[in-house]
Amino acid sequence: MAEPLNTLLQGQRRLLNEIYAKQKAHDVRFEAIGNRFGSVDRQLNATESNTNAIKNDIFKIQSDITFLKDSQKEMQNDISKLQSDAFVLKTDVDELKHDVTELKSDMSEVKGKLDLVLAKLS
């Protein structure tokens, strides 16, 4: 009877060793899974950080575009003012030309009268 009991104990020991070996393999797998989760977590954190940086850049680009649009509107207003001022200046120049022409005409008349006065005096 000792022999069958010994055989049974050896079989149980072999099964326990197989279970222990399988458990060790499971532990190694669980550790690998844990490491992979850690890796995924780090990648997600990096992705979240990159996503936030990208969102920040997009916000800055939108702000720059808004600034450029506002600046362009101001430039268009300034151009309109310059065009208006240029028209006023052109009108003023035309009036001055007319005034100069009249002044020349008046000067010619005065010169003519002075010549008459000088001729009478001589």
PDB file of N, CA and C in Angstrom:
ATOM      1  N   MET A   1       0.807  -1.168   0.000  1.00  0.00           N
ATOM      2  CA  MET A   1       0.000   0.000   0.000  1.00  0.00           C
ATOM      3  C   MET A   1       0.869   1.257   0.000  1.00  0.00           C
ATOM      4  N   ALA A   2       2.052   1.183   0.522  1.00  0.00           N
ATOM      5  CA  ALA A   2       2.919   2.335   0.549  1.00  0.00           C
ATOM      6  C   ALA A   2       3.318   2.745  -0.856  1.00  0.00           C
ATOM      7  N   GLU A   3       3.466   1.710  -1.703  1.00  0.00           N
ATOM      8  CA  GLU A   3       3.865   2.018  -3.081  1.00  0.00           C
ATOM      9  C   GLU A   3       2.807   2.819  -3.806  1.00  0.00           C
ATOM     10  N   PRO A   4       1.516   2.450  -3.811  1.00  0.00           N
ATOM     11  CA  PRO A   4       0.526   3.266  -4.500  1.00  0.00           C
ATOM     12  C   PRO A   4       0.416   4.669  -3.872  1.00  0.00           C
ATOM     13  N   LEU A   5       0.614   4.758  -2.555  1.00  0.00           N
ATOM     14  CA  LEU A   5       0.519   6.058  -1.922  1.00  0.00           C
ATOM     15  C   LEU A   5       1.704   6.926  -2.350  1.00  0.00           C
ATOM     16  N   ASN A   6       2.877   6.311  -2.448  1.00  0.00           N
ATOM     17  CA  ASN A   6       4.060   7.029  -2.906  1.00  0.00           C
ATOM     18  C   ASN A   6       3.884   7.500  -4.348  1.00  0.00           C
ATOM     19  N   THR A   7       3.347   6.672  -5.183  1.00  0.00           N
ATOM     20  CA  THR A   7       3.085   7.022  -6.576  1.00  0.00           C
ATOM     21  C   THR A   7       2.076   8.163  -6.640  1.00  0.00           C
ATOM     22  N   LEU A   8       1.075   8.086  -5.818  1.00  0.00           N
ATOM     23  CA  LEU A   8       0.050   9.127  -5.787  1.00  0.00           C
ATOM     24  C   LEU A   8       0.667  10.447  -5.321  1.00  0.00           C
ATOM     25  N   LEU A   9       1.524  10.394  -4.294  1.00  0.00           N
ATOM     26  CA  LEU A   9       2.171  11.597  -3.801  1.00  0.00           C
ATOM     27  C   LEU A   9       3.103  12.198  -4.866  1.00  0.00           C
ATOM     28  N   GLN A  10       3.820  11.318  -5.581  1.00  0.00           N
ATOM     29  CA  GLN A  10       4.695  11.816  -6.658  1.00  0.00           C
ATOM     30  C   GLN A  10       3.872  12.472  -7.760  1.00  0.00           C
ATOM     31  N   GLY A  11       2.735  11.920  -8.084  1.00  0.00           N
ATOM     32  CA  GLY A  11       1.850  12.509  -9.105  1.00  0.00           C
ATOM     33  C   GLY A  11       1.339  13.866  -8.650  1.00  0.00           C
ATOM     34  N   GLN A  12       0.987  13.922  -7.356  1.00  0.00           N
ATOM     35  CA  GLN A  12       0.502  15.204  -6.827  1.00  0.00           C
ATOM     36  C   GLN A  12       1.633  16.254  -6.828  1.00  0.00           C
ATOM     37  N   ARG A  13       2.861  15.767  -6.466  1.00  0.00           N
ATOM     38  CA  ARG A  13       4.002  16.687  -6.465  1.00  0.00           C
ATOM     39  C   ARG A  13       4.253  17.198  -7.878  1.00  0.00           C
ATOM     40  N   ARG A  14       4.179  16.320  -8.878  1.00  0.00           N
ATOM     41  CA  ARG A  14       4.368  16.725 -10.272  1.00  0.00           C
ATOM     42  C   ARG A  14       3.288  17.724 -10.674  1.00  0.00           C
ATOM     43  N   LEU A  15       2.045  17.466 -10.291  1.00  0.00           N
ATOM     44  CA  LEU A  15       0.954  18.389 -10.615  1.00  0.00           C
ATOM     45  C   LEU A  15       1.165  19.744  -9.931  1.00  0.00           C
ATOM     46  N   LEU A  16       1.598  19.681  -8.651  1.00  0.00           N
ATOM     47  CA  LEU A  16       1.870  20.931  -7.934  1.00  0.00           C
ATOM     48  C   LEU A  16       3.009  21.707  -8.610  1.00  0.00           C
ATOM     49  N   ASN A  17       4.047  21.000  -9.060  1.00  0.00           N
ATOM     50  CA  ASN A  17       5.150  21.652  -9.774  1.00  0.00           C
ATOM     51  C   ASN A  17       4.672  22.269 -11.088  1.00  0.00           C
ATOM     52  N   GLU A  18       3.794  21.572 -11.794  1.00  0.00           N
ATOM     53  CA  GLU A  18       3.239  22.104 -13.056  1.00  0.00           C
ATOM     54  C   GLU A  18       2.380  23.335 -12.768  1.00  0.00           C
ATOM     55  N   ILE A  19       1.582  23.225 -11.692  1.00  0.00           N
ATOM     56  CA  ILE A  19       0.745  24.370 -11.315  1.00  0.00           C
ATOM     57  C   ILE A  19       1.627  25.552 -10.941  1.00  0.00           C
ATOM     58  N   TYR A  20       2.697  25.263 -10.157  1.00  0.00           N
ATOM     59  CA  TYR A  20       3.617  26.317  -9.752  1.00  0.00           C
ATOM     60  C   TYR A  20       4.283  26.953 -10.981  1.00  0.00           C
ATOM     61  N   ALA A  21       4.707  26.131 -11.929  1.00  0.00           N
ATOM     62  CA  ALA A  21       5.341  26.634 -13.151  1.00  0.00           C
ATOM     63  C   ALA A  21       4.355  27.485 -13.956  1.00  0.00           C
ATOM     64  N   LYS A  22       3.112  27.000 -14.048  1.00  0.00           N
ATOM     65  CA  LYS A  22       2.089  27.762 -14.778  1.00  0.00           C
ATOM     66  C   LYS A  22       1.794  29.077 -14.060  1.00  0.00           C
ATOM     67  N   GLN A  23       1.752  28.994 -12.702  1.00  0.00           N
ATOM     68  CA  GLN A  23       1.509  30.213 -11.929  1.00  0.00           C
ATOM     69  C   GLN A  23       2.638  31.218 -12.150  1.00  0.00           C
ATOM     70  N   LYS A  24       3.887  30.732 -12.193  1.00  0.00           N
ATOM     71  CA  LYS A  24       5.031  31.619 -12.468  1.00  0.00           C
ATOM     72  C   LYS A  24       4.889  32.251 -13.843  1.00  0.00           C
ATOM     73  N   ALA A  25       4.490  31.443 -14.846  1.00  0.00           N
ATOM     74  CA  ALA A  25       4.287  31.971 -16.202  1.00  0.00           C
ATOM     75  C   ALA A  25       3.187  33.028 -16.184  1.00  0.00           C
ATOM     76  N   HIS A  26       2.120  32.770 -15.400  1.00  0.00           N
ATOM     77  CA  HIS A  26       1.035  33.751 -15.293  1.00  0.00           C
ATOM     78  C   HIS A  26       1.547  35.041 -14.660  1.00  0.00           C
ATOM     79  N   ASP A  27       2.358  34.884 -13.590  1.00  0.00           N
ATOM     80  CA  ASP A  27       2.918  36.075 -12.930  1.00  0.00           C
ATOM     81  C   ASP A  27       3.750  36.902 -13.908  1.00  0.00           C
ATOM     82  N   VAL A  28       4.570  36.200 -14.713  1.00  0.00           N
ATOM     83  CA  VAL A  28       5.385  36.899 -15.719  1.00  0.00           C
ATOM     84  C   VAL A  28       4.478  37.616 -16.702  1.00  0.00           C
ATOM     85  N   ARG A  29       3.406  36.951 -17.130  1.00  0.00           N
ATOM     86  CA  ARG A  29       2.460  37.581 -18.069  1.00  0.00           C
ATOM     87  C   ARG A  29       1.771  38.792 -17.431  1.00  0.00           C
ATOM     88  N   PHE A  30       1.346  38.648 -16.181  1.00  0.00           N
ATOM     89  CA  PHE A  30       0.698  39.770 -15.496  1.00  0.00           C
ATOM     90  C   PHE A  30       1.652  40.947 -15.357  1.00  0.00           C
ATOM     91  N   GLU A  31       2.910  40.656 -15.060  1.00  0.00           N
ATOM     92  CA  GLU A  31       3.904  41.721 -14.978  1.00  0.00           C
ATOM     93  C   GLU A  31       4.074  42.402 -16.341  1.00  0.00           C
ATOM     94  N   ALA A  32       4.109  41.620 -17.405  1.00  0.00           N
ATOM     95  CA  ALA A  32       4.231  42.178 -18.756  1.00  0.00           C
ATOM     96  C   ALA A  32       3.011  43.043 -19.081  1.00  0.00           C
ATOM     97  N   ILE A  33       1.835  42.548 -18.689  1.00  0.00           N
ATOM     98  CA  ILE A  33       0.603  43.322 -18.926  1.00  0.00           C
ATOM     99  C   ILE A  33       0.671  44.641 -18.155  1.00  0.00           C
ATOM    100  N   GLY A  34       1.122  44.578 -16.898  1.00  0.00           N
ATOM    101  CA  GLY A  34       1.256  45.799 -16.093  1.00  0.00           C
ATOM    102  C   GLY A  34       2.215  46.781 -16.740  1.00  0.00           C
ATOM    103  N   ASN A  35       3.341  46.267 -17.242  1.00  0.00           N
ATOM    104  CA  ASN A  35       4.307  47.140 -17.924  1.00  0.00           C
ATOM    105  C   ASN A  35       3.694  47.758 -19.172  1.00  0.00           C
ATOM    106  N   ARG A  36       2.926  46.963 -19.898  1.00  0.00           N
ATOM    107  CA  ARG A  36       2.279  47.502 -21.115  1.00  0.00           C
ATOM    108  C   ARG A  36       1.268  48.581 -20.757  1.00  0.00           C
ATOM    109  N   PHE A  37       0.508  48.349 -19.671  1.00  0.00           N
ATOM    110  CA  PHE A  37      -0.429  49.395 -19.235  1.00  0.00           C
ATOM    111  C   PHE A  37       0.322  50.667 -18.858  1.00  0.00           C
ATOM    112  N   GLY A  38       1.457  50.506 -18.197  1.00  0.00           N
ATOM    113  CA  GLY A  38       2.283  51.671 -17.859  1.00  0.00           C
ATOM    114  C   GLY A  38       2.748  52.399 -19.105  1.00  0.00           C
ATOM    115  N   SER A  39       3.151  51.623 -20.099  1.00  0.00           N
ATOM    116  CA  SER A  39       3.604  52.215 -21.360  1.00  0.00           C
ATOM    117  C   SER A  39       2.464  52.959 -22.053  1.00  0.00           C
ATOM    118  N   VAL A  40       1.297  52.309 -22.069  1.00  0.00           N
ATOM    119  CA  VAL A  40       0.121  52.947 -22.689  1.00  0.00           C
ATOM    120  C   VAL A  40      -0.233  54.227 -21.933  1.00  0.00           C
ATOM    121  N   ASP A  41      -0.168  54.168 -20.604  1.00  0.00           N
ATOM    122  CA  ASP A  41      -0.480  55.342 -19.784  1.00  0.00           C
ATOM    123  C   ASP A  41       0.482  56.485 -20.098  1.00  0.00           C
ATOM    124  N   ARG A  42       1.768  56.179 -20.209  1.00  0.00           N
ATOM    125  CA  ARG A  42       2.754  57.219 -20.540  1.00  0.00           C
ATOM    126  C   ARG A  42       2.480  57.791 -21.927  1.00  0.00           C
ATOM    127  N   GLN A  43       2.146  56.909 -22.854  1.00  0.00           N
ATOM    128  CA  GLN A  43       1.853  57.391 -24.219  1.00  0.00           C
ATOM    129  C   GLN A  43       0.609  58.269 -24.228  1.00  0.00           C
ATOM    130  N   LEU A  44      -0.398  57.866 -23.446  1.00  0.00           N
ATOM    131  CA  LEU A  44      -1.617  58.679 -23.375  1.00  0.00           C
ATOM    132  C   LEU A  44      -1.319  60.039 -22.750  1.00  0.00           C
ATOM    133  N   ASN A  45      -0.496  60.051 -21.704  1.00  0.00           N
ATOM    134  CA  ASN A  45      -0.124  61.329 -21.090  1.00  0.00           C
ATOM    135  C   ASN A  45       0.624  62.201 -22.086  1.00  0.00           C
ATOM    136  N   ALA A  46       1.545  61.589 -22.837  1.00  0.00           N
ATOM    137  CA  ALA A  46       2.283  62.351 -23.856  1.00  0.00           C
ATOM    138  C   ALA A  46       1.323  62.847 -24.928  1.00  0.00           C
ATOM    139  N   THR A  47       0.382  61.992 -25.328  1.00  0.00           N
ATOM    140  CA  THR A  47      -0.595  62.384 -26.347  1.00  0.00           C
ATOM    141  C   THR A  47      -1.457  63.529 -25.840  1.00  0.00           C
ATOM    142  N   GLU A  48      -1.870  63.440 -24.560  1.00  0.00           N
ATOM    143  CA  GLU A  48      -2.682  64.504 -23.980  1.00  0.00           C
ATOM    144  C   GLU A  48      -1.893  65.808 -23.930  1.00  0.00           C
ATOM    145  N   SER A  49      -0.629  65.711 -23.568  1.00  0.00           N
ATOM    146  CA  SER A  49       0.224  66.893 -23.535  1.00  0.00           C
ATOM    147  C   SER A  49       0.379  67.474 -24.934  1.00  0.00           C
ATOM    148  N   ASN A  50       0.610  66.608 -25.917  1.00  0.00           N
ATOM    149  CA  ASN A  50       0.725  67.066 -27.312  1.00  0.00           C
ATOM    150  C   ASN A  50      -0.589  67.674 -27.784  1.00  0.00           C
ATOM    151  N   THR A  51      -1.690  67.052 -27.408  1.00  0.00           N
ATOM    152  CA  THR A  51      -2.999  67.563 -27.807  1.00  0.00           C
ATOM    153  C   THR A  51      -3.213  68.958 -27.215  1.00  0.00           C
ATOM    154  N   ASN A  52      -2.837  69.124 -25.946  1.00  0.00           N
ATOM    155  CA  ASN A  52      -2.979  70.447 -25.321  1.00  0.00           C
ATOM    156  C   ASN A  52      -2.085  71.467 -26.001  1.00  0.00           C
ATOM    157  N   ALA A  53      -0.867  71.061 -26.364  1.00  0.00           N
ATOM    158  CA  ALA A  53       0.041  71.983 -27.071  1.00  0.00           C
ATOM    159  C   ALA A  53      -0.548  72.363 -28.429  1.00  0.00           C
ATOM    160  N   ILE A  54      -1.111  71.386 -29.115  1.00  0.00           N
ATOM    161  CA  ILE A  54      -1.726  71.655 -30.425  1.00  0.00           C
ATOM    162  C   ILE A  54      -2.916  72.598 -30.262  1.00  0.00           C
ATOM    163  N   LYS A  55      -3.753  72.340 -29.245  1.00  0.00           N
ATOM    164  CA  LYS A  55      -4.900  73.221 -28.995  1.00  0.00           C
ATOM    165  C   LYS A  55      -4.417  74.640 -28.705  1.00  0.00           C
ATOM    166  N   ASN A  56      -3.340  74.749 -27.920  1.00  0.00           N
ATOM    167  CA  ASN A  56      -2.767  76.048 -27.611  1.00  0.00           C
ATOM    168  C   ASN A  56      -2.311  76.757 -28.878  1.00  0.00           C
ATOM    169  N   ASP A  57      -1.604  76.022 -29.742  1.00  0.00           N
ATOM    170  CA  ASP A  57      -1.130  76.600 -31.003  1.00  0.00           C
ATOM    171  C   ASP A  57      -2.297  77.047 -31.872  1.00  0.00           C
ATOM    172  N   ILE A  58      -3.348  76.233 -31.929  1.00  0.00           N
ATOM    173  CA  ILE A  58      -4.531  76.587 -32.733  1.00  0.00           C
ATOM    174  C   ILE A  58      -5.153  77.861 -32.182  1.00  0.00           C
ATOM    175  N   PHE A  59      -5.254  77.971 -30.845  1.00  0.00           N
ATOM    176  CA  PHE A  59      -5.809  79.181 -30.235  1.00  0.00           C
ATOM    177  C   PHE A  59      -4.964  80.402 -30.598  1.00  0.00           C
ATOM    178  N   LYS A  60      -3.636  80.246 -30.541  1.00  0.00           N
ATOM    179  CA  LYS A  60      -2.747  81.355 -30.886  1.00  0.00           C
ATOM    180  C   LYS A  60      -2.895  81.745 -32.353  1.00  0.00           C
ATOM    181  N   ILE A  61      -3.018  80.745 -33.217  1.00  0.00           N
ATOM    182  CA  ILE A  61      -3.213  81.023 -34.652  1.00  0.00           C
ATOM    183  C   ILE A  61      -4.512  81.788 -34.859  1.00  0.00           C
ATOM    184  N   GLN A  62      -5.587  81.350 -34.177  1.00  0.00           N
ATOM    185  CA  GLN A  62      -6.864  82.045 -34.306  1.00  0.00           C
ATOM    186  C   GLN A  62      -6.744  83.489 -33.818  1.00  0.00           C
ATOM    187  N   SER A  63      -6.026  83.687 -32.718  1.00  0.00           N
ATOM    188  CA  SER A  63      -5.818  85.050 -32.205  1.00  0.00           C
ATOM    189  C   SER A  63      -5.049  85.889 -33.213  1.00  0.00           C
ATOM    190  N   ASP A  64      -4.020  85.293 -33.807  1.00  0.00           N
ATOM    191  CA  ASP A  64      -3.227  86.013 -34.813  1.00  0.00           C
ATOM    192  C   ASP A  64      -4.084  86.377 -36.020  1.00  0.00           C
ATOM    193  N   ILE A  65      -4.929  85.462 -36.441  1.00  0.00           N
ATOM    194  CA  ILE A  65      -5.812  85.723 -37.589  1.00  0.00           C
ATOM    195  C   ILE A  65      -6.768  86.865 -37.255  1.00  0.00           C
ATOM    196  N   THR A  66      -7.332  86.840 -36.046  1.00  0.00           N
ATOM    197  CA  THR A  66      -8.239  87.915 -35.629  1.00  0.00           C
ATOM    198  C   THR A  66      -7.501  89.250 -35.615  1.00  0.00           C
ATOM    199  N   PHE A  67      -6.275  89.236 -35.074  1.00  0.00           N
ATOM    200  CA  PHE A  67      -5.470  90.460 -35.056  1.00  0.00           C
ATOM    201  C   PHE A  67      -5.232  90.966 -36.476  1.00  0.00           C
ATOM    202  N   LEU A  68      -4.872  90.048 -37.382  1.00  0.00           N
ATOM    203  CA  LEU A  68      -4.602  90.447 -38.765  1.00  0.00           C
ATOM    204  C   LEU A  68      -5.851  91.011 -39.428  1.00  0.00           C
ATOM    205  N   LYS A  69      -7.010  90.384 -39.166  1.00  0.00           N
ATOM    206  CA  LYS A  69      -8.259  90.893 -39.747  1.00  0.00           C
ATOM    207  C   LYS A  69      -8.541  92.302 -39.233  1.00  0.00           C
ATOM    208  N   ASP A  70      -8.403  92.494 -37.908  1.00  0.00           N
ATOM    209  CA  ASP A  70      -8.647  93.818 -37.333  1.00  0.00           C
ATOM    210  C   ASP A  70      -7.660  94.843 -37.888  1.00  0.00           C
ATOM    211  N   SER A  71      -6.412  94.427 -37.984  1.00  0.00           N
ATOM    212  CA  SER A  71      -5.382  95.313 -38.509  1.00  0.00           C
ATOM    213  C   SER A  71      -5.683  95.684 -39.960  1.00  0.00           C
ATOM    214  N   GLN A  72      -6.140  94.701 -40.733  1.00  0.00           N
ATOM    215  CA  GLN A  72      -6.479  94.970 -42.136  1.00  0.00           C
ATOM    216  C   GLN A  72      -7.622  95.980 -42.225  1.00  0.00           C
ATOM    217  N   LYS A  73      -8.620  95.829 -41.354  1.00  0.00           N
ATOM    218  CA  LYS A  73      -9.737  96.787 -41.345  1.00  0.00           C
ATOM    219  C   LYS A  73      -9.224  98.193 -41.031  1.00  0.00           C
ATOM    220  N   GLU A  74      -8.328  98.278 -40.027  1.00  0.00           N
ATOM    221  CA  GLU A  74      -7.759  99.582 -39.689  1.00  0.00           C
ATOM    222  C   GLU A  74      -6.985 100.159 -40.875  1.00  0.00           C
ATOM    223  N   MET A  75      -6.224  99.305 -41.555  1.00  0.00           N
ATOM    224  CA  MET A  75      -5.463  99.768 -42.723  1.00  0.00           C
ATOM    225  C   MET A  75      -6.415 100.248 -43.812  1.00  0.00           C
ATOM    226  N   GLN A  76      -7.519  99.530 -44.028  1.00  0.00           N
ATOM    227  CA  GLN A  76      -8.477  99.952 -45.049  1.00  0.00           C
ATOM    228  C   GLN A  76      -9.085 101.300 -44.673  1.00  0.00           C
ATOM    229  N   ASN A  77      -9.367 101.492 -43.373  1.00  0.00           N
ATOM    230  CA  ASN A  77      -9.888 102.790 -42.927  1.00  0.00           C
ATOM    231  C   ASN A  77      -8.857 103.884 -43.160  1.00  0.00           C
ATOM    232  N   ASP A  78      -7.591 103.575 -42.832  1.00  0.00           N
ATOM    233  CA  ASP A  78      -6.528 104.559 -43.053  1.00  0.00           C
ATOM    234  C   ASP A  78      -6.376 104.890 -44.536  1.00  0.00           C
ATOM    235  N   ILE A  79      -6.474 103.882 -45.381  1.00  0.00           N
ATOM    236  CA  ILE A  79      -6.383 104.105 -46.834  1.00  0.00           C
ATOM    237  C   ILE A  79      -7.540 104.992 -47.299  1.00  0.00           C
ATOM    238  N   SER A  80      -8.741 104.720 -46.773  1.00  0.00           N
ATOM    239  CA  SER A  80      -9.892 105.555 -47.137  1.00  0.00           C
ATOM    240  C   SER A  80      -9.670 107.003 -46.717  1.00  0.00           C
ATOM    241  N   LYS A  81      -9.117 107.190 -45.499  1.00  0.00           N
ATOM    242  CA  LYS A  81      -8.830 108.547 -45.034  1.00  0.00           C
ATOM    243  C   LYS A  81      -7.794 109.213 -45.936  1.00  0.00           C
ATOM    244  N   LEU A  82      -6.753 108.447 -46.297  1.00  0.00           N
ATOM    245  CA  LEU A  82      -5.717 109.000 -47.183  1.00  0.00           C
ATOM    246  C   LEU A  82      -6.309 109.392 -48.530  1.00  0.00           C
ATOM    247  N   GLN A  83      -7.191 108.544 -49.059  1.00  0.00           N
ATOM    248  CA  GLN A  83      -7.817 108.864 -50.350  1.00  0.00           C
ATOM    249  C   GLN A  83      -8.664 110.124 -50.228  1.00  0.00           C
ATOM    250  N   SER A  84      -9.380 110.219 -49.109  1.00  0.00           N
ATOM    251  CA  SER A  84     -10.216 111.409 -48.888  1.00  0.00           C
ATOM    252  C   SER A  84      -9.337 112.649 -48.760  1.00  0.00           C
ATOM    253  N   ASP A  85      -8.255 112.523 -47.966  1.00  0.00           N
ATOM    254  CA  ASP A  85      -7.329 113.650 -47.807  1.00  0.00           C
ATOM    255  C   ASP A  85      -6.687 114.019 -49.145  1.00  0.00           C
ATOM    256  N   ALA A  86      -6.351 113.024 -49.934  1.00  0.00           N
ATOM    257  CA  ALA A  86      -5.738 113.285 -51.244  1.00  0.00           C
ATOM    258  C   ALA A  86      -6.717 114.050 -52.130  1.00  0.00           C
ATOM    259  N   PHE A  87      -7.993 113.694 -52.075  1.00  0.00           N
ATOM    260  CA  PHE A  87      -8.991 114.411 -52.875  1.00  0.00           C
ATOM    261  C   PHE A  87      -9.084 115.858 -52.419  1.00  0.00           C
ATOM    262  N   VAL A  88      -9.087 116.067 -51.080  1.00  0.00           N
ATOM    263  CA  VAL A  88      -9.151 117.433 -50.550  1.00  0.00           C
ATOM    264  C   VAL A  88      -7.912 118.212 -50.985  1.00  0.00           C
ATOM    265  N   LEU A  89      -6.737 117.576 -50.887  1.00  0.00           N
ATOM    266  CA  LEU A  89      -5.502 118.238 -51.309  1.00  0.00           C
ATOM    267  C   LEU A  89      -5.541 118.583 -52.794  1.00  0.00           C
ATOM    268  N   LYS A  90      -6.040 117.666 -53.604  1.00  0.00           N
ATOM    269  CA  LYS A  90      -6.127 117.921 -55.045  1.00  0.00           C
ATOM    270  C   LYS A  90      -7.040 119.120 -55.302  1.00  0.00           C
ATOM    271  N   THR A  91      -8.145 119.150 -54.570  1.00  0.00           N
ATOM    272  CA  THR A  91      -9.065 120.284 -54.715  1.00  0.00           C
ATOM    273  C   THR A  91      -8.370 121.582 -54.305  1.00  0.00           C
ATOM    274  N   ASP A  92      -7.633 121.510 -53.177  1.00  0.00           N
ATOM    275  CA  ASP A  92      -6.898 122.703 -52.717  1.00  0.00           C
ATOM    276  C   ASP A  92      -5.856 123.130 -53.748  1.00  0.00           C
ATOM    277  N   VAL A  93      -5.148 122.185 -54.309  1.00  0.00           N
ATOM    278  CA  VAL A  93      -4.134 122.500 -55.321  1.00  0.00           C
ATOM    279  C   VAL A  93      -4.791 123.137 -56.540  1.00  0.00           C
ATOM    280  N   ASP A  94      -5.911 122.575 -56.959  1.00  0.00           N
ATOM    281  CA  ASP A  94      -6.627 123.157 -58.109  1.00  0.00           C
ATOM    282  C   ASP A  94      -7.052 124.593 -57.811  1.00  0.00           C
ATOM    283  N   GLU A  95      -7.526 124.825 -56.578  1.00  0.00           N
ATOM    284  CA  GLU A  95      -7.931 126.187 -56.197  1.00  0.00           C
ATOM    285  C   GLU A  95      -6.716 127.118 -56.177  1.00  0.00           C
ATOM    286  N   LEU A  96      -5.592 126.589 -55.651  1.00  0.00           N
ATOM    287  CA  LEU A  96      -4.376 127.409 -55.636  1.00  0.00           C
ATOM    288  C   LEU A  96      -3.919 127.747 -57.052  1.00  0.00           C
ATOM    289  N   LYS A  97      -3.986 126.765 -57.943  1.00  0.00           N
ATOM    290  CA  LYS A  97      -3.612 127.033 -59.342  1.00  0.00           C
ATOM    291  C   LYS A  97      -4.489 128.139 -59.914  1.00  0.00           C
ATOM    292  N   HIS A  98      -5.790 128.039 -59.620  1.00  0.00           N
ATOM    293  CA  HIS A  98      -6.718 129.055 -60.117  1.00  0.00           C
ATOM    294  C   HIS A  98      -6.360 130.421 -59.518  1.00  0.00           C
ATOM    295  N   ASP A  99      -6.067 130.412 -58.194  1.00  0.00           N
ATOM    296  CA  ASP A  99      -5.691 131.671 -57.523  1.00  0.00           C
ATOM    297  C   ASP A  99      -4.395 132.228 -58.106  1.00  0.00           C
ATOM    298  N   VAL A 100      -3.424 131.372 -58.398  1.00  0.00           N
ATOM    299  CA  VAL A 100      -2.164 131.823 -58.986  1.00  0.00           C
ATOM    300  C   VAL A 100      -2.418 132.414 -60.368  1.00  0.00           C
ATOM    301  N   THR A 101      -3.284 131.763 -61.134  1.00  0.00           N
ATOM    302  CA  THR A 101      -3.615 132.275 -62.465  1.00  0.00           C
ATOM    303  C   THR A 101      -4.248 133.666 -62.350  1.00  0.00           C
ATOM    304  N   GLU A 102      -5.189 133.803 -61.382  1.00  0.00           N
ATOM    305  CA  GLU A 102      -5.820 135.118 -61.177  1.00  0.00           C
ATOM    306  C   GLU A 102      -4.789 136.153 -60.722  1.00  0.00           C
ATOM    307  N   LEU A 103      -3.881 135.701 -59.819  1.00  0.00           N
ATOM    308  CA  LEU A 103      -2.850 136.604 -59.322  1.00  0.00           C
ATOM    309  C   LEU A 103      -1.934 137.067 -60.455  1.00  0.00           C
ATOM    310  N   LYS A 104      -1.584 136.129 -61.337  1.00  0.00           N
ATOM    311  CA  LYS A 104      -0.749 136.503 -62.495  1.00  0.00           C
ATOM    312  C   LYS A 104      -1.485 137.528 -63.350  1.00  0.00           C
ATOM    313  N   SER A 105      -2.772 137.269 -63.538  1.00  0.00           N
ATOM    314  CA  SER A 105      -3.568 138.196 -64.344  1.00  0.00           C
ATOM    315  C   SER A 105      -3.609 139.568 -63.669  1.00  0.00           C
ATOM    316  N   ASP A 106      -3.832 139.561 -62.337  1.00  0.00           N
ATOM    317  CA  ASP A 106      -3.866 140.832 -61.607  1.00  0.00           C
ATOM    318  C   ASP A 106      -2.517 141.535 -61.685  1.00  0.00           C
ATOM    319  N   MET A 107      -1.413 140.726 -61.560  1.00  0.00           N
ATOM    320  CA  MET A 107      -0.070 141.288 -61.626  1.00  0.00           C
ATOM    321  C   MET A 107       0.180 141.895 -63.009  1.00  0.00           C
ATOM    322  N   SER A 108      -0.343 141.232 -64.019  1.00  0.00           N
ATOM    323  CA  SER A 108      -0.184 141.778 -65.373  1.00  0.00           C
ATOM    324  C   SER A 108      -0.910 143.112 -65.488  1.00  0.00           C
ATOM    325  N   GLU A 109      -2.103 143.170 -64.910  1.00  0.00           N
ATOM    326  CA  GLU A 109      -2.858 144.434 -64.945  1.00  0.00           C
ATOM    327  C   GLU A 109      -2.097 145.517 -64.181  1.00  0.00           C
ATOM    328  N   VAL A 110      -1.592 145.158 -62.985  1.00  0.00           N
ATOM    329  CA  VAL A 110      -0.850 146.135 -62.177  1.00  0.00           C
ATOM    330  C   VAL A 110       0.379 146.586 -62.942  1.00  0.00           C
ATOM    331  N   LYS A 111       1.088 145.654 -63.571  1.00  0.00           N
ATOM    332  CA  LYS A 111       2.282 145.993 -64.333  1.00  0.00           C
ATOM    333  C   LYS A 111       1.911 146.941 -65.478  1.00  0.00           C
ATOM    334  N   GLY A 112       0.799 146.581 -66.122  1.00  0.00           N
ATOM    335  CA  GLY A 112       0.350 147.454 -67.211  1.00  0.00           C
ATOM    336  C   GLY A 112       0.058 148.861 -66.705  1.00  0.00           C
ATOM    337  N   LYS A 113      -0.609 148.990 -65.566  1.00  0.00           N
ATOM    338  CA  LYS A 113      -0.928 150.311 -65.008  1.00  0.00           C
ATOM    339  C   LYS A 113       0.356 151.038 -64.579  1.00  0.00           C
ATOM    340  N   LEU A 114       1.304 150.251 -63.958  1.00  0.00           N
ATOM    341  CA  LEU A 114       2.561 150.868 -63.563  1.00  0.00           C
ATOM    342  C   LEU A 114       3.326 151.379 -64.783  1.00  0.00           C
ATOM    343  N   ASP A 115       3.292 150.598 -65.850  1.00  0.00           N
ATOM    344  CA  ASP A 115       3.967 151.048 -67.071  1.00  0.00           C
ATOM    345  C   ASP A 115       3.355 152.333 -67.582  1.00  0.00           C
ATOM    346  N   LEU A 116       2.034 152.453 -67.503  1.00  0.00           N
ATOM    347  CA  LEU A 116       1.350 153.679 -67.931  1.00  0.00           C
ATOM    348  C   LEU A 116       1.763 154.861 -67.033  1.00  0.00           C
ATOM    349  N   VAL A 117       1.781 154.579 -65.701  1.00  0.00           N
ATOM    350  CA  VAL A 117       2.157 155.632 -64.769  1.00  0.00           C
ATOM    351  C   VAL A 117       3.582 156.066 -65.036  1.00  0.00           C
ATOM    352  N   LEU A 118       4.476 155.101 -65.241  1.00  0.00           N
ATOM    353  CA  LEU A 118       5.868 155.422 -65.512  1.00  0.00           C
ATOM    354  C   LEU A 118       6.011 156.185 -66.842  1.00  0.00           C
ATOM    355  N   ALA A 119       5.229 155.784 -67.795  1.00  0.00           N
ATOM    356  CA  ALA A 119       5.292 156.459 -69.098  1.00  0.00           C
ATOM    357  C   ALA A 119       4.805 157.900 -68.950  1.00  0.00           C
ATOM    358  N   LYS A 120       3.786 158.122 -68.127  1.00  0.00           N
ATOM    359  CA  LYS A 120       3.273 159.477 -67.938  1.00  0.00           C
ATOM    360  C   LYS A 120       4.264 160.314 -67.155  1.00  0.00           C
ATOM    361  N   LEU A 121       4.967 159.652 -66.247  1.00  0.00           N
ATOM    362  CA  LEU A 121       5.936 160.383 -65.423  1.00  0.00           C
ATOM    363  C   LEU A 121       7.190 160.734 -66.221  1.00  0.00           C
ATOM    364  N   SER A 122       7.501 160.000 -67.211  1.00  0.00           N
ATOM    365  CA  SER A 122       8.712 160.293 -67.922  1.00  0.00           C
ATOM    366  C   SER A 122       8.493 161.233 -69.037  1.00  0.00           C
TER     367      SER A 122
END
